[in-house]
Amino acid sequence: MIVAMIVVSLLAITFFTYILLISANMDKTDREREIEDNEQLEYIRNYKNGGNKGGNKKRNKTNL
């Protein structure tokens, strides 16, 4: 009985978290979505080119 209550509680938490995330995304304006898309594209370009352009250099085992 207790296990069933725990499972139901976890499912309820999961459902409400899903609804919260979906509703948060629905409130974005077109401009906010465009800005977010541009940030993601810039991140992907930097990642493909080795990342960290202008930032701290990647640390490896030799320079820890």
C-alpha atoms as a PDB file:
ATOM      1  CA  MET A   1       0.000   0.000   0.000  1.00  0.00           C
ATOM      2  CA  ILE A   2       2.792   2.402   0.884  1.00  0.00           C
ATOM      3  CA  VAL A   3       4.651   1.549  -2.312  1.00  0.00           C
ATOM      4  CA  ALA A   4       1.553   2.335  -4.357  1.00  0.00           C
ATOM      5  CA  MET A   5       1.214   5.720  -2.641  1.00  0.00           C
ATOM      6  CA  ILE A   6       4.875   6.497  -3.332  1.00  0.00           C
ATOM      7  CA  VAL A   7       4.497   5.549  -7.005  1.00  0.00           C
ATOM      8  CA  VAL A   8       1.361   7.669  -7.373  1.00  0.00           C
ATOM      9  CA  SER A   9       3.106  10.598  -5.665  1.00  0.00           C
ATOM     10  CA  LEU A  10       6.103  10.322  -7.991  1.00  0.00           C
ATOM     11  CA  LEU A  11       3.837  10.173 -11.034  1.00  0.00           C
ATOM     12  CA  ALA A  12       1.971  13.267  -9.839  1.00  0.00           C
ATOM     13  CA  ILE A  13       5.237  15.153  -9.307  1.00  0.00           C
ATOM     14  CA  THR A  14       6.433  14.098 -12.756  1.00  0.00           C
ATOM     15  CA  PHE A  15       3.172  15.228 -14.368  1.00  0.00           C
ATOM     16  CA  PHE A  16       3.162  18.651 -12.700  1.00  0.00           C
ATOM     17  CA  THR A  17       6.838  19.203 -13.535  1.00  0.00           C
ATOM     18  CA  TYR A  18       6.083  18.406 -17.182  1.00  0.00           C
ATOM     19  CA  ILE A  19       3.157  20.839 -17.201  1.00  0.00           C
ATOM     20  CA  LEU A  20       5.336  23.533 -15.592  1.00  0.00           C
ATOM     21  CA  LEU A  21       8.067  23.130 -18.219  1.00  0.00           C
ATOM     22  CA  ILE A  22       5.604  23.174 -21.105  1.00  0.00           C
ATOM     23  CA  SER A  23       3.815  26.266 -19.819  1.00  0.00           C
ATOM     24  CA  ALA A  24       7.116  28.097 -19.239  1.00  0.00           C
ATOM     25  CA  ASN A  25       8.038  27.581 -22.886  1.00  0.00           C
ATOM     26  CA  MET A  26       4.621  28.782 -24.109  1.00  0.00           C
ATOM     27  CA  ASP A  27       5.100  32.212 -22.507  1.00  0.00           C
ATOM     28  CA  LYS A  28       8.127  33.074 -24.647  1.00  0.00           C
ATOM     29  CA  THR A  29       7.728  35.711 -27.303  1.00  0.00           C
ATOM     30  CA  ASP A  30       8.971  35.187 -30.840  1.00  0.00           C
ATOM     31  CA  ARG A  31      11.907  37.514 -30.090  1.00  0.00           C
ATOM     32  CA  GLU A  32      12.911  35.465 -27.025  1.00  0.00           C
ATOM     33  CA  ARG A  33      12.771  32.265 -29.053  1.00  0.00           C
ATOM     34  CA  GLU A  34      14.919  33.861 -31.763  1.00  0.00           C
ATOM     35  CA  ILE A  35      17.516  35.001 -29.212  1.00  0.00           C
ATOM     36  CA  GLU A  36      17.603  31.534 -27.651  1.00  0.00           C
ATOM     37  CA  ASP A  37      17.979  29.884 -31.060  1.00  0.00           C
ATOM     38  CA  ASN A  38      20.881  32.197 -31.928  1.00  0.00           C
ATOM     39  CA  GLU A  39      22.601  31.421 -28.628  1.00  0.00           C
ATOM     40  CA  GLN A  40      22.244  27.694 -29.249  1.00  0.00           C
ATOM     41  CA  LEU A  41      23.579  28.019 -32.811  1.00  0.00           C
ATOM     42  CA  GLU A  42      26.575  30.006 -31.555  1.00  0.00           C
ATOM     43  CA  TYR A  43      27.271  27.359 -28.919  1.00  0.00           C
ATOM     44  CA  ILE A  44      27.098  24.588 -31.539  1.00  0.00           C
ATOM     45  CA  ARG A  45      29.449  26.478 -33.884  1.00  0.00           C
ATOM     46  CA  ASN A  46      31.948  27.012 -31.054  1.00  0.00           C
ATOM     47  CA  TYR A  47      31.656  23.383 -29.980  1.00  0.00           C
ATOM     48  CA  LYS A  48      32.372  22.149 -33.518  1.00  0.00           C
ATOM     49  CA  ASN A  49      35.397  24.478 -33.749  1.00  0.00           C
ATOM     50  CA  GLY A  50      36.955  23.276 -30.517  1.00  0.00           C
ATOM     51  CA  GLY A  51      34.981  25.493 -28.153  1.00  0.00           C
ATOM     52  CA  ASN A  52      36.002  28.225 -25.723  1.00  0.00           C
ATOM     53  CA  LYS A  53      36.679  31.002 -28.244  1.00  0.00           C
ATOM     54  CA  GLY A  54      37.943  33.947 -26.261  1.00  0.00           C
ATOM     55  CA  GLY A  55      37.309  32.214 -22.949  1.00  0.00           C
ATOM     56  CA  ASN A  56      39.464  30.171 -20.672  1.00  0.00           C
ATOM     57  CA  LYS A  57      41.493  27.498 -22.347  1.00  0.00           C
ATOM     58  CA  LYS A  58      40.481  23.930 -21.801  1.00  0.00           C
ATOM     59  CA  ARG A  59      42.324  22.300 -18.976  1.00  0.00           C
ATOM     60  CA  ASN A  60      44.003  19.008 -19.511  1.00  0.00           C
ATOM     61  CA  LYS A  61      45.954  16.726 -17.199  1.00  0.00           C
ATOM     62  CA  THR A  62      49.245  18.514 -17.838  1.00  0.00           C
ATOM     63  CA  ASN A  63      48.114  21.983 -16.735  1.00  0.00           C
ATOM     64  CA  LEU A  64      46.007  21.168 -13.688  1.00  0.00           C
END
